[in-house]
Amino acid sequence: MAQRKTSSRIEVPSYLRTAEVADILHVSPKTVSRWAKEGKLPFLKTLGGHRRYPEAKIRELANNLREEPTG
């Protein structure tokens, strides 16, 4: 009997640099850093001390900010 291999691909989340987040959110990199310090943006710190932001969460936030308020 031949066994079928199942493609169990592990999705590794991608992370963005501060400048990339600034471009997506249309703000300055300093604003991104300030928001991260204030707890407004999720991030991880690299071993070198740089912030990396989860791409999925940042894009979700950008989409939410683009939506027009109803009312």
PDB file of N, CA and C in Angstrom:
ATOM      1  N   MET A   1       0.840  -1.185   0.000  1.00  0.00           N
ATOM      2  CA  MET A   1       0.000   0.000   0.000  1.00  0.00           C
ATOM      3  C   MET A   1       0.886   1.250   0.000  1.00  0.00           C
ATOM      4  N   ALA A   2       0.615   2.130  -0.897  1.00  0.00           N
ATOM      5  CA  ALA A   2       1.394   3.371  -0.962  1.00  0.00           C
ATOM      6  C   ALA A   2       0.793   4.400  -0.014  1.00  0.00           C
ATOM      7  N   GLN A   3       1.644   5.065   0.714  1.00  0.00           N
ATOM      8  CA  GLN A   3       1.165   6.099   1.624  1.00  0.00           C
ATOM      9  C   GLN A   3       1.250   7.453   0.937  1.00  0.00           C
ATOM     10  N   ARG A   4       0.219   8.240   1.142  1.00  0.00           N
ATOM     11  CA  ARG A   4       0.215   9.594   0.594  1.00  0.00           C
ATOM     12  C   ARG A   4       0.821  10.544   1.602  1.00  0.00           C
ATOM     13  N   LYS A   5       1.702  11.370   1.123  1.00  0.00           N
ATOM     14  CA  LYS A   5       2.277  12.379   2.007  1.00  0.00           C
ATOM     15  C   LYS A   5       1.325  13.547   2.104  1.00  0.00           C
ATOM     16  N   THR A   6       1.060  13.952   3.304  1.00  0.00           N
ATOM     17  CA  THR A   6       0.241  15.144   3.476  1.00  0.00           C
ATOM     18  C   THR A   6       1.170  16.330   3.605  1.00  0.00           C
ATOM     19  N   SER A   7       0.826  17.348   2.945  1.00  0.00           N
ATOM     20  CA  SER A   7       1.643  18.556   2.965  1.00  0.00           C
ATOM     21  C   SER A   7       1.350  19.330   4.242  1.00  0.00           C
ATOM     22  N   SER A   8       2.139  19.082   5.260  1.00  0.00           N
ATOM     23  CA  SER A   8       1.952  19.803   6.526  1.00  0.00           C
ATOM     24  C   SER A   8       2.947  20.952   6.570  1.00  0.00           C
ATOM     25  N   ARG A   9       2.558  22.001   5.933  1.00  0.00           N
ATOM     26  CA  ARG A   9       3.424  23.177   5.840  1.00  0.00           C
ATOM     27  C   ARG A   9       3.157  24.090   7.029  1.00  0.00           C
ATOM     28  N   ILE A  10       4.189  24.402   7.741  1.00  0.00           N
ATOM     29  CA  ILE A  10       4.048  25.287   8.889  1.00  0.00           C
ATOM     30  C   ILE A  10       4.197  26.719   8.407  1.00  0.00           C
ATOM     31  N   GLU A  11       3.192  27.523   8.691  1.00  0.00           N
ATOM     32  CA  GLU A  11       3.224  28.927   8.301  1.00  0.00           C
ATOM     33  C   GLU A  11       4.001  29.723   9.342  1.00  0.00           C
ATOM     34  N   VAL A  12       5.053  30.342   8.916  1.00  0.00           N
ATOM     35  CA  VAL A  12       5.843  31.190   9.804  1.00  0.00           C
ATOM     36  C   VAL A  12       5.353  32.618   9.617  1.00  0.00           C
ATOM     37  N   PRO A  13       4.928  33.269  10.692  1.00  0.00           N
ATOM     38  CA  PRO A  13       4.436  34.636  10.532  1.00  0.00           C
ATOM     39  C   PRO A  13       5.560  35.557  10.065  1.00  0.00           C
ATOM     40  N   SER A  14       5.204  36.514   9.210  1.00  0.00           N
ATOM     41  CA  SER A  14       6.222  37.450   8.743  1.00  0.00           C
ATOM     42  C   SER A  14       6.143  38.729   9.566  1.00  0.00           C
ATOM     43  N   TYR A  15       7.280  39.353   9.688  1.00  0.00           N
ATOM     44  CA  TYR A  15       7.396  40.562  10.501  1.00  0.00           C
ATOM     45  C   TYR A  15       7.916  41.710   9.659  1.00  0.00           C
ATOM     46  N   LEU A  16       7.505  42.908  10.027  1.00  0.00           N
ATOM     47  CA  LEU A  16       7.872  44.114   9.306  1.00  0.00           C
ATOM     48  C   LEU A  16       8.827  44.963  10.130  1.00  0.00           C
ATOM     49  N   ARG A  17       9.628  45.740   9.425  1.00  0.00           N
ATOM     50  CA  ARG A  17      10.502  46.723  10.081  1.00  0.00           C
ATOM     51  C   ARG A  17       9.701  47.987  10.333  1.00  0.00           C
ATOM     52  N   THR A  18      10.256  48.854  11.167  1.00  0.00           N
ATOM     53  CA  THR A  18       9.576  50.099  11.533  1.00  0.00           C
ATOM     54  C   THR A  18       9.225  50.938  10.309  1.00  0.00           C
ATOM     55  N   ALA A  19      10.146  51.080   9.375  1.00  0.00           N
ATOM     56  CA  ALA A  19       9.901  51.898   8.181  1.00  0.00           C
ATOM     57  C   ALA A  19       8.777  51.314   7.325  1.00  0.00           C
ATOM     58  N   GLU A  20       8.694  49.985   7.258  1.00  0.00           N
ATOM     59  CA  GLU A  20       7.637  49.341   6.476  1.00  0.00           C
ATOM     60  C   GLU A  20       6.270  49.593   7.112  1.00  0.00           C
ATOM     61  N   VAL A  21       6.213  49.529   8.432  1.00  0.00           N
ATOM     62  CA  VAL A  21       4.961  49.809   9.146  1.00  0.00           C
ATOM     63  C   VAL A  21       4.565  51.262   8.927  1.00  0.00           C
ATOM     64  N   ALA A  22       5.546  52.164   8.972  1.00  0.00           N
ATOM     65  CA  ALA A  22       5.275  53.583   8.758  1.00  0.00           C
ATOM     66  C   ALA A  22       4.671  53.818   7.378  1.00  0.00           C
ATOM     67  N   ASP A  23       5.182  53.138   6.364  1.00  0.00           N
ATOM     68  CA  ASP A  23       4.635  53.272   5.010  1.00  0.00           C
ATOM     69  C   ASP A  23       3.197  52.768   4.936  1.00  0.00           C
ATOM     70  N   ILE A  24       2.932  51.648   5.570  1.00  0.00           N
ATOM     71  CA  ILE A  24       1.589  51.061   5.528  1.00  0.00           C
ATOM     72  C   ILE A  24       0.575  51.951   6.244  1.00  0.00           C
ATOM     73  N   LEU A  25       0.980  52.511   7.383  1.00  0.00           N
ATOM     74  CA  LEU A  25       0.061  53.321   8.192  1.00  0.00           C
ATOM     75  C   LEU A  25       0.100  54.810   7.836  1.00  0.00           C
ATOM     76  N   HIS A  26       0.977  55.184   6.904  1.00  0.00           N
ATOM     77  CA  HIS A  26       1.108  56.584   6.466  1.00  0.00           C
ATOM     78  C   HIS A  26       1.445  57.523   7.614  1.00  0.00           C
ATOM     79  N   VAL A  27       2.421  57.098   8.412  1.00  0.00           N
ATOM     80  CA  VAL A  27       2.934  57.923   9.505  1.00  0.00           C
ATOM     81  C   VAL A  27       4.459  57.854   9.444  1.00  0.00           C
ATOM     82  N   SER A  28       5.127  58.620  10.301  1.00  0.00           N
ATOM     83  CA  SER A  28       6.589  58.594  10.320  1.00  0.00           C
ATOM     84  C   SER A  28       7.088  57.397  11.140  1.00  0.00           C
ATOM     85  N   PRO A  29       8.326  56.967  10.879  1.00  0.00           N
ATOM     86  CA  PRO A  29       8.895  55.885  11.700  1.00  0.00           C
ATOM     87  C   PRO A  29       8.953  56.241  13.187  1.00  0.00           C
ATOM     88  N   LYS A  30       9.163  57.511  13.502  1.00  0.00           N
ATOM     89  CA  LYS A  30       9.173  57.915  14.917  1.00  0.00           C
ATOM     90  C   LYS A  30       7.809  57.699  15.559  1.00  0.00           C
ATOM     91  N   THR A  31       6.745  57.950  14.798  1.00  0.00           N
ATOM     92  CA  THR A  31       5.395  57.719  15.320  1.00  0.00           C
ATOM     93  C   THR A  31       5.182  56.237  15.591  1.00  0.00           C
ATOM     94  N   VAL A  32       5.644  55.386  14.682  1.00  0.00           N
ATOM     95  CA  VAL A  32       5.522  53.934  14.872  1.00  0.00           C
ATOM     96  C   VAL A  32       6.245  53.523  16.153  1.00  0.00           C
ATOM     97  N   SER A  33       7.464  54.017  16.342  1.00  0.00           N
ATOM     98  CA  SER A  33       8.230  53.680  17.550  1.00  0.00           C
ATOM     99  C   SER A  33       7.516  54.166  18.810  1.00  0.00           C
ATOM    100  N   ARG A  34       6.978  55.366  18.750  1.00  0.00           N
ATOM    101  CA  ARG A  34       6.264  55.918  19.912  1.00  0.00           C
ATOM    102  C   ARG A  34       5.028  55.079  20.234  1.00  0.00           C
ATOM    103  N   TRP A  35       4.260  54.723  19.187  1.00  0.00           N
ATOM    104  CA  TRP A  35       3.066  53.905  19.405  1.00  0.00           C
ATOM    105  C   TRP A  35       3.432  52.550  20.006  1.00  0.00           C
ATOM    106  N   ALA A  36       4.545  51.989  19.570  1.00  0.00           N
ATOM    107  CA  ALA A  36       4.989  50.700  20.121  1.00  0.00           C
ATOM    108  C   ALA A  36       5.324  50.851  21.602  1.00  0.00           C
ATOM    109  N   LYS A  37       6.058  51.916  21.948  1.00  0.00           N
ATOM    110  CA  LYS A  37       6.407  52.161  23.355  1.00  0.00           C
ATOM    111  C   LYS A  37       5.170  52.363  24.212  1.00  0.00           C
ATOM    112  N   GLU A  38       4.141  52.992  23.627  1.00  0.00           N
ATOM    113  CA  GLU A  38       2.901  53.261  24.363  1.00  0.00           C
ATOM    114  C   GLU A  38       1.979  52.041  24.416  1.00  0.00           C
ATOM    115  N   GLY A  39       2.374  50.956  23.761  1.00  0.00           N
ATOM    116  CA  GLY A  39       1.566  49.740  23.777  1.00  0.00           C
ATOM    117  C   GLY A  39       0.447  49.715  22.747  1.00  0.00           C
ATOM    118  N   LYS A  40       0.476  50.635  21.797  1.00  0.00           N
ATOM    119  CA  LYS A  40      -0.587  50.706  20.788  1.00  0.00           C
ATOM    120  C   LYS A  40      -0.344  49.763  19.615  1.00  0.00           C
ATOM    121  N   LEU A  41       0.901  49.314  19.427  1.00  0.00           N
ATOM    122  CA  LEU A  41       1.233  48.387  18.348  1.00  0.00           C
ATOM    123  C   LEU A  41       1.950  47.167  18.924  1.00  0.00           C
ATOM    124  N   PRO A  42       1.567  45.977  18.452  1.00  0.00           N
ATOM    125  CA  PRO A  42       2.264  44.771  18.915  1.00  0.00           C
ATOM    126  C   PRO A  42       3.632  44.672  18.239  1.00  0.00           C
ATOM    127  N   PHE A  43       4.629  44.174  18.965  1.00  0.00           N
ATOM    128  CA  PHE A  43       5.956  43.999  18.374  1.00  0.00           C
ATOM    129  C   PHE A  43       6.755  42.971  19.149  1.00  0.00           C
ATOM    130  N   LEU A  44       7.798  42.499  18.507  1.00  0.00           N
ATOM    131  CA  LEU A  44       8.803  41.650  19.150  1.00  0.00           C
ATOM    132  C   LEU A  44      10.122  42.397  19.059  1.00  0.00           C
ATOM    133  N   LYS A  45      11.021  42.102  19.968  1.00  0.00           N
ATOM    134  CA  LYS A  45      12.357  42.686  19.880  1.00  0.00           C
ATOM    135  C   LYS A  45      13.323  41.606  19.422  1.00  0.00           C
ATOM    136  N   THR A  46      14.191  41.971  18.483  1.00  0.00           N
ATOM    137  CA  THR A  46      15.216  41.042  18.022  1.00  0.00           C
ATOM    138  C   THR A  46      16.325  40.978  19.068  1.00  0.00           C
ATOM    139  N   LEU A  47      17.238  40.052  18.881  1.00  0.00           N
ATOM    140  CA  LEU A  47      18.368  39.954  19.803  1.00  0.00           C
ATOM    141  C   LEU A  47      19.204  41.225  19.772  1.00  0.00           C
ATOM    142  N   GLY A  48      19.185  41.928  18.647  1.00  0.00           N
ATOM    143  CA  GLY A  48      19.924  43.175  18.522  1.00  0.00           C
ATOM    144  C   GLY A  48      19.181  44.379  19.071  1.00  0.00           C
ATOM    145  N   GLY A  49      17.960  44.168  19.561  1.00  0.00           N
ATOM    146  CA  GLY A  49      17.191  45.250  20.167  1.00  0.00           C
ATOM    147  C   GLY A  49      16.288  46.011  19.213  1.00  0.00           C
ATOM    148  N   HIS A  50      16.138  45.519  17.982  1.00  0.00           N
ATOM    149  CA  HIS A  50      15.267  46.178  17.015  1.00  0.00           C
ATOM    150  C   HIS A  50      13.844  45.644  17.139  1.00  0.00           C
ATOM    151  N   ARG A  51      12.884  46.500  16.873  1.00  0.00           N
ATOM    152  CA  ARG A  51      11.479  46.068  16.920  1.00  0.00           C
ATOM    153  C   ARG A  51      11.076  45.465  15.583  1.00  0.00           C
ATOM    154  N   ARG A  52      10.286  44.402  15.654  1.00  0.00           N
ATOM    155  CA  ARG A  52       9.681  43.798  14.465  1.00  0.00           C
ATOM    156  C   ARG A  52       8.198  43.655  14.758  1.00  0.00           C
ATOM    157  N   TYR A  53       7.388  44.012  13.766  1.00  0.00           N
ATOM    158  CA  TYR A  53       5.944  44.079  13.939  1.00  0.00           C
ATOM    159  C   TYR A  53       5.278  42.967  13.125  1.00  0.00           C
ATOM    160  N   PRO A  54       4.307  42.247  13.705  1.00  0.00           N
ATOM    161  CA  PRO A  54       3.635  41.169  12.967  1.00  0.00           C
ATOM    162  C   PRO A  54       2.829  41.737  11.803  1.00  0.00           C
ATOM    163  N   GLU A  55       3.179  41.300  10.595  1.00  0.00           N
ATOM    164  CA  GLU A  55       2.572  41.857   9.383  1.00  0.00           C
ATOM    165  C   GLU A  55       1.054  41.718   9.365  1.00  0.00           C
ATOM    166  N   ALA A  56       0.548  40.562   9.756  1.00  0.00           N
ATOM    167  CA  ALA A  56      -0.898  40.331   9.712  1.00  0.00           C
ATOM    168  C   ALA A  56      -1.641  41.334  10.597  1.00  0.00           C
ATOM    169  N   LYS A  57      -1.127  41.576  11.794  1.00  0.00           N
ATOM    170  CA  LYS A  57      -1.790  42.510  12.724  1.00  0.00           C
ATOM    171  C   LYS A  57      -1.715  43.946  12.207  1.00  0.00           C
ATOM    172  N   ILE A  58      -0.590  44.327  11.632  1.00  0.00           N
ATOM    173  CA  ILE A  58      -0.428  45.686  11.124  1.00  0.00           C
ATOM    174  C   ILE A  58      -1.358  45.918   9.942  1.00  0.00           C
ATOM    175  N   ARG A  59      -1.435  44.948   9.040  1.00  0.00           N
ATOM    176  CA  ARG A  59      -2.329  45.096   7.873  1.00  0.00           C
ATOM    177  C   ARG A  59      -3.792  45.130   8.306  1.00  0.00           C
ATOM    178  N   GLU A  60      -4.138  44.333   9.327  1.00  0.00           N
ATOM    179  CA  GLU A  60      -5.497  44.347   9.868  1.00  0.00           C
ATOM    180  C   GLU A  60      -5.819  45.726  10.450  1.00  0.00           C
ATOM    181  N   LEU A  61      -4.887  46.285  11.186  1.00  0.00           N
ATOM    182  CA  LEU A  61      -5.060  47.619  11.752  1.00  0.00           C
ATOM    183  C   LEU A  61      -5.217  48.659  10.646  1.00  0.00           C
ATOM    184  N   ALA A  62      -4.393  48.568   9.613  1.00  0.00           N
ATOM    185  CA  ALA A  62      -4.474  49.515   8.494  1.00  0.00           C
ATOM    186  C   ALA A  62      -5.824  49.419   7.802  1.00  0.00           C
ATOM    187  N   ASN A  63      -6.329  48.201   7.625  1.00  0.00           N
ATOM    188  CA  ASN A  63      -7.649  48.027   6.998  1.00  0.00           C
ATOM    189  C   ASN A  63      -8.747  48.620   7.864  1.00  0.00           C
ATOM    190  N   ASN A  64      -8.646  48.432   9.176  1.00  0.00           N
ATOM    191  CA  ASN A  64      -9.648  48.982  10.088  1.00  0.00           C
ATOM    192  C   ASN A  64      -9.622  50.508  10.073  1.00  0.00           C
ATOM    193  N   LEU A  65      -8.430  51.087   9.950  1.00  0.00           N
ATOM    194  CA  LEU A  65      -8.324  52.539   9.935  1.00  0.00           C
ATOM    195  C   LEU A  65      -8.866  53.146   8.638  1.00  0.00           C
ATOM    196  N   ARG A  66      -8.813  52.363   7.553  1.00  0.00           N
ATOM    197  CA  ARG A  66      -9.302  52.845   6.261  1.00  0.00           C
ATOM    198  C   ARG A  66     -10.813  52.852   6.155  1.00  0.00           C
ATOM    199  N   GLU A  67     -11.475  52.016   6.970  1.00  0.00           N
ATOM    200  CA  GLU A  67     -12.932  51.924   6.901  1.00  0.00           C
ATOM    201  C   GLU A  67     -13.555  53.241   7.361  1.00  0.00           C
ATOM    202  N   GLU A  68     -14.526  53.670   6.607  1.00  0.00           N
ATOM    203  CA  GLU A  68     -15.235  54.904   6.951  1.00  0.00           C
ATOM    204  C   GLU A  68     -16.193  54.644   8.103  1.00  0.00           C
ATOM    205  N   PRO A  69     -16.228  55.525   9.095  1.00  0.00           N
ATOM    206  CA  PRO A  69     -17.207  55.353  10.174  1.00  0.00           C
ATOM    207  C   PRO A  69     -18.618  55.576   9.644  1.00  0.00           C
ATOM    208  N   THR A  70     -19.536  54.778  10.100  1.00  0.00           N
ATOM    209  CA  THR A  70     -20.931  54.931   9.664  1.00  0.00           C
ATOM    210  C   THR A  70     -21.648  55.827  10.658  1.00  0.00           C
ATOM    211  N   GLY A  71     -22.557  56.619  10.115  1.00  0.00           N
ATOM    212  CA  GLY A  71     -23.349  57.406  11.036  1.00  0.00           C
ATOM    213  C   GLY A  71     -23.463  58.783  10.668  1.00  0.00           C
TER     214      GLY A  71
END
